[in-house]
């Protein structure tokens, strides 16, 4: 099962249509190709799936979701948490 963790957009490269996002301390690049142009801006929270931004969500919902994830994951040490987030990049469509 794949979980889409809210990620905050920290940079947008309009030439490549790629956004840099921060997911619970992990930075990664994600394609904006599935989003309407101009909808996603720096500071927005988004959901990703297999390297693509698939939805923009409001900040309040994003922060509530992040708090829930943190509560669930608080039993993991930092390395396990980062690896779990990185492994989500390899999620397959099921």
N, C-alpha and C. Protein backbone atom coordinates (compact mmCIF):
# COMPACT_ATOMS: atom_id res chain seq x y z
N UNK A 1 0.84 -1.18 0.00
CA UNK A 1 0.00 0.00 0.00
C UNK A 1 0.88 1.24 0.00
N UNK A 2 0.48 2.24 -0.73
CA UNK A 2 1.21 3.49 -0.81
C UNK A 2 0.45 4.57 -0.05
N UNK A 3 1.20 5.38 0.67
CA UNK A 3 0.63 6.53 1.35
C UNK A 3 1.19 7.78 0.72
N UNK A 4 0.37 8.76 0.51
CA UNK A 4 0.83 10.04 -0.02
C UNK A 4 0.92 11.01 1.14
N UNK A 5 2.13 11.36 1.52
CA UNK A 5 2.38 12.25 2.64
C UNK A 5 2.42 13.68 2.12
N UNK A 6 1.70 14.60 2.76
CA UNK A 6 1.74 15.98 2.31
C UNK A 6 3.19 16.49 2.25
N UNK A 7 3.49 17.21 1.18
CA UNK A 7 4.83 17.75 0.96
C UNK A 7 4.71 19.22 0.63
N UNK A 8 5.66 20.02 1.14
CA UNK A 8 5.63 21.47 0.91
C UNK A 8 6.54 21.82 -0.26
N UNK A 9 6.02 22.59 -1.20
CA UNK A 9 6.78 23.03 -2.36
C UNK A 9 7.77 24.11 -1.91
N UNK A 10 9.06 23.87 -2.21
CA UNK A 10 10.09 24.83 -1.81
C UNK A 10 10.73 25.53 -3.01
N UNK A 11 10.54 24.99 -4.20
CA UNK A 11 11.15 25.57 -5.41
C UNK A 11 10.38 25.05 -6.62
N UNK A 12 10.29 25.88 -7.64
CA UNK A 12 9.67 25.46 -8.91
C UNK A 12 10.58 25.89 -10.05
N UNK A 13 10.90 24.93 -10.91
CA UNK A 13 11.67 25.22 -12.12
C UNK A 13 10.69 25.19 -13.28
N UNK A 14 10.33 26.35 -13.77
CA UNK A 14 9.32 26.45 -14.84
C UNK A 14 9.84 25.89 -16.16
N UNK A 15 11.16 25.89 -16.35
CA UNK A 15 11.73 25.36 -17.60
C UNK A 15 11.55 23.85 -17.71
N UNK A 16 11.68 23.15 -16.59
CA UNK A 16 11.55 21.68 -16.60
C UNK A 16 10.21 21.20 -16.08
N UNK A 17 9.41 22.14 -15.53
CA UNK A 17 8.12 21.81 -14.92
C UNK A 17 8.29 20.84 -13.75
N UNK A 18 9.35 21.09 -12.98
CA UNK A 18 9.67 20.26 -11.81
C UNK A 18 9.62 21.13 -10.56
N UNK A 19 9.00 20.60 -9.52
CA UNK A 19 8.98 21.27 -8.21
C UNK A 19 9.88 20.49 -7.26
N UNK A 20 10.59 21.22 -6.42
CA UNK A 20 11.30 20.60 -5.31
C UNK A 20 10.37 20.68 -4.12
N UNK A 21 10.16 19.55 -3.46
CA UNK A 21 9.26 19.50 -2.31
C UNK A 21 9.98 18.92 -1.10
N UNK A 22 9.49 19.29 0.07
CA UNK A 22 10.02 18.77 1.32
C UNK A 22 8.96 17.91 1.96
N UNK A 23 9.31 16.64 2.17
CA UNK A 23 8.40 15.68 2.78
C UNK A 23 9.00 15.25 4.11
N UNK A 24 8.52 15.85 5.18
CA UNK A 24 8.98 15.51 6.53
C UNK A 24 10.51 15.51 6.62
N UNK A 25 11.14 16.54 6.05
CA UNK A 25 12.58 16.68 6.14
C UNK A 25 13.37 16.11 4.98
N UNK A 26 12.71 15.42 4.07
CA UNK A 26 13.37 14.85 2.89
C UNK A 26 13.01 15.70 1.68
N UNK A 27 14.03 16.20 0.97
CA UNK A 27 13.80 16.98 -0.25
C UNK A 27 13.86 16.06 -1.46
N UNK A 28 12.98 16.31 -2.40
CA UNK A 28 12.97 15.54 -3.65
C UNK A 28 12.32 16.37 -4.74
N UNK A 29 12.56 15.96 -5.97
CA UNK A 29 11.94 16.63 -7.11
C UNK A 29 10.71 15.85 -7.54
N UNK A 30 9.70 16.59 -8.00
CA UNK A 30 8.46 15.96 -8.46
C UNK A 30 7.95 16.72 -9.68
N UNK A 31 7.41 15.98 -10.61
CA UNK A 31 6.89 16.57 -11.85
C UNK A 31 5.56 17.28 -11.60
N UNK A 32 5.41 18.40 -12.26
CA UNK A 32 4.15 19.14 -12.25
C UNK A 32 3.30 18.85 -13.49
N UNK A 33 3.70 17.87 -14.28
CA UNK A 33 3.05 17.60 -15.57
C UNK A 33 1.57 17.24 -15.45
N UNK A 34 1.13 16.75 -14.31
CA UNK A 34 -0.28 16.36 -14.15
C UNK A 34 -1.14 17.47 -13.56
N UNK A 35 -0.52 18.62 -13.29
CA UNK A 35 -1.25 19.73 -12.69
C UNK A 35 -1.44 20.85 -13.71
N UNK A 36 -2.54 21.56 -13.60
CA UNK A 36 -2.79 22.71 -14.46
C UNK A 36 -1.73 23.78 -14.17
N UNK A 37 -1.23 24.42 -15.19
CA UNK A 37 -0.18 25.42 -15.04
C UNK A 37 -0.62 26.54 -14.10
N UNK A 38 0.26 26.91 -13.18
CA UNK A 38 0.01 28.02 -12.27
C UNK A 38 -0.78 27.68 -11.03
N UNK A 39 -1.25 26.46 -10.90
CA UNK A 39 -2.05 26.07 -9.73
C UNK A 39 -1.17 25.87 -8.50
N UNK A 40 0.02 25.31 -8.70
CA UNK A 40 0.92 25.01 -7.59
C UNK A 40 1.99 26.10 -7.50
N UNK A 41 2.17 26.63 -6.29
CA UNK A 41 3.13 27.70 -6.06
C UNK A 41 4.05 27.34 -4.89
N UNK A 42 5.17 28.03 -4.79
CA UNK A 42 6.08 27.84 -3.67
C UNK A 42 5.30 28.10 -2.38
N UNK A 43 5.47 27.20 -1.40
CA UNK A 43 4.77 27.30 -0.12
C UNK A 43 3.51 26.46 -0.05
N UNK A 44 3.01 25.99 -1.19
CA UNK A 44 1.82 25.14 -1.20
C UNK A 44 2.16 23.74 -0.71
N UNK A 45 1.14 23.06 -0.22
CA UNK A 45 1.25 21.64 0.14
C UNK A 45 0.61 20.81 -0.97
N UNK A 46 1.28 19.73 -1.32
CA UNK A 46 0.82 18.87 -2.41
C UNK A 46 0.92 17.41 -1.99
N UNK A 47 0.25 16.56 -2.77
CA UNK A 47 0.37 15.11 -2.62
C UNK A 47 1.06 14.57 -3.86
N UNK A 48 1.94 13.58 -3.67
CA UNK A 48 2.71 12.98 -4.75
C UNK A 48 2.32 11.53 -4.93
N UNK A 49 2.50 11.06 -6.16
CA UNK A 49 2.39 9.63 -6.44
C UNK A 49 3.37 9.31 -7.56
N UNK A 50 4.22 8.36 -7.32
CA UNK A 50 5.27 7.90 -8.25
C UNK A 50 5.97 9.05 -8.97
N UNK A 51 6.35 10.07 -8.20
CA UNK A 51 7.14 11.16 -8.75
C UNK A 51 6.37 12.30 -9.38
N UNK A 52 5.05 12.24 -9.33
CA UNK A 52 4.20 13.29 -9.90
C UNK A 52 3.38 13.94 -8.81
N UNK A 53 3.25 15.26 -8.86
CA UNK A 53 2.32 15.95 -7.99
C UNK A 53 0.93 15.70 -8.56
N UNK A 54 0.05 15.15 -7.72
CA UNK A 54 -1.28 14.78 -8.21
C UNK A 54 -2.40 15.63 -7.62
N UNK A 55 -2.08 16.42 -6.58
CA UNK A 55 -3.13 17.20 -5.95
C UNK A 55 -2.51 18.27 -5.08
N UNK A 56 -3.15 19.41 -5.01
CA UNK A 56 -2.78 20.47 -4.09
C UNK A 56 -3.78 20.41 -2.94
N UNK A 57 -3.29 20.51 -1.70
CA UNK A 57 -4.19 20.47 -0.55
C UNK A 57 -3.99 21.71 0.30
N UNK A 58 -5.01 22.04 1.09
CA UNK A 58 -4.86 23.25 1.90
C UNK A 58 -3.95 22.98 3.10
N UNK A 59 -3.34 24.05 3.57
CA UNK A 59 -2.31 23.94 4.61
C UNK A 59 -2.85 23.30 5.89
N UNK A 60 -4.04 23.66 6.30
CA UNK A 60 -4.60 23.10 7.54
C UNK A 60 -4.73 21.59 7.45
N UNK A 61 -5.27 21.09 6.34
CA UNK A 61 -5.39 19.65 6.16
C UNK A 61 -4.03 18.98 6.09
N UNK A 62 -3.09 19.64 5.42
CA UNK A 62 -1.73 19.08 5.31
C UNK A 62 -1.10 18.96 6.68
N UNK A 63 -1.21 20.00 7.49
CA UNK A 63 -0.59 19.97 8.81
C UNK A 63 -1.24 18.93 9.72
N UNK A 64 -2.55 18.77 9.61
CA UNK A 64 -3.24 17.73 10.40
C UNK A 64 -2.77 16.34 9.97
N UNK A 65 -2.65 16.12 8.67
CA UNK A 65 -2.17 14.83 8.17
C UNK A 65 -0.74 14.57 8.62
N UNK A 66 0.10 15.59 8.54
CA UNK A 66 1.49 15.42 8.97
C UNK A 66 1.59 15.08 10.45
N UNK A 67 0.75 15.70 11.26
CA UNK A 67 0.75 15.39 12.69
C UNK A 67 0.33 13.94 12.93
N UNK A 68 -0.66 13.47 12.19
CA UNK A 68 -1.09 12.07 12.30
C UNK A 68 0.04 11.13 11.90
N UNK A 69 0.72 11.43 10.77
CA UNK A 69 1.85 10.60 10.35
C UNK A 69 2.94 10.59 11.42
N UNK A 70 3.23 11.75 11.99
CA UNK A 70 4.27 11.83 13.02
C UNK A 70 3.90 10.96 14.22
N UNK A 71 2.64 11.00 14.62
CA UNK A 71 2.20 10.17 15.75
C UNK A 71 2.36 8.69 15.44
N UNK A 72 2.00 8.29 14.24
CA UNK A 72 2.11 6.88 13.84
C UNK A 72 3.57 6.45 13.78
N UNK A 73 4.42 7.34 13.28
CA UNK A 73 5.81 6.99 13.03
C UNK A 73 6.76 7.29 14.18
N UNK A 74 6.26 7.85 15.27
CA UNK A 74 7.15 8.26 16.35
C UNK A 74 7.91 7.09 16.99
N UNK A 75 7.46 5.89 16.77
CA UNK A 75 8.15 4.72 17.29
C UNK A 75 9.39 4.37 16.48
N UNK A 76 9.50 4.93 15.26
CA UNK A 76 10.67 4.66 14.41
C UNK A 76 11.78 5.63 14.75
N UNK A 77 13.03 5.17 14.59
CA UNK A 77 14.13 6.12 14.75
C UNK A 77 14.26 6.94 13.47
N UNK A 78 15.09 7.97 13.48
CA UNK A 78 15.18 8.90 12.35
C UNK A 78 15.59 8.22 11.05
N UNK A 79 16.53 7.30 11.11
CA UNK A 79 16.97 6.61 9.89
C UNK A 79 15.85 5.77 9.30
N UNK A 80 15.10 5.06 10.16
CA UNK A 80 13.97 4.26 9.66
C UNK A 80 12.91 5.15 9.03
N UNK A 81 12.64 6.29 9.65
CA UNK A 81 11.65 7.22 9.12
C UNK A 81 12.07 7.73 7.75
N UNK A 82 13.31 8.19 7.62
CA UNK A 82 13.78 8.70 6.34
C UNK A 82 13.75 7.62 5.27
N UNK A 83 14.11 6.39 5.64
CA UNK A 83 14.09 5.30 4.67
C UNK A 83 12.65 4.99 4.23
N UNK A 84 11.71 5.04 5.16
CA UNK A 84 10.30 4.81 4.84
C UNK A 84 9.81 5.84 3.83
N UNK A 85 10.18 7.11 4.05
CA UNK A 85 9.76 8.17 3.14
C UNK A 85 10.42 7.97 1.78
N UNK A 86 11.72 7.65 1.77
CA UNK A 86 12.41 7.42 0.50
C UNK A 86 11.82 6.23 -0.24
N UNK A 87 11.48 5.15 0.49
CA UNK A 87 10.90 3.96 -0.14
C UNK A 87 9.56 4.27 -0.80
N UNK A 88 8.88 5.30 -0.32
CA UNK A 88 7.58 5.63 -0.93
C UNK A 88 7.74 6.06 -2.38
N UNK A 89 8.96 6.49 -2.77
CA UNK A 89 9.21 6.82 -4.17
C UNK A 89 9.11 5.61 -5.08
N UNK A 90 9.28 4.43 -4.53
CA UNK A 90 9.28 3.20 -5.32
C UNK A 90 7.93 2.50 -5.32
N UNK A 91 6.91 3.20 -4.88
CA UNK A 91 5.57 2.62 -4.80
C UNK A 91 5.06 2.27 -6.21
N UNK A 92 4.52 1.11 -6.34
CA UNK A 92 3.96 0.65 -7.61
C UNK A 92 2.45 0.85 -7.63
N UNK A 93 1.91 1.14 -8.80
CA UNK A 93 0.45 1.17 -8.92
C UNK A 93 -0.07 -0.23 -8.73
N UNK A 94 -1.02 -0.36 -7.86
CA UNK A 94 -1.58 -1.70 -7.59
C UNK A 94 -3.03 -1.75 -7.94
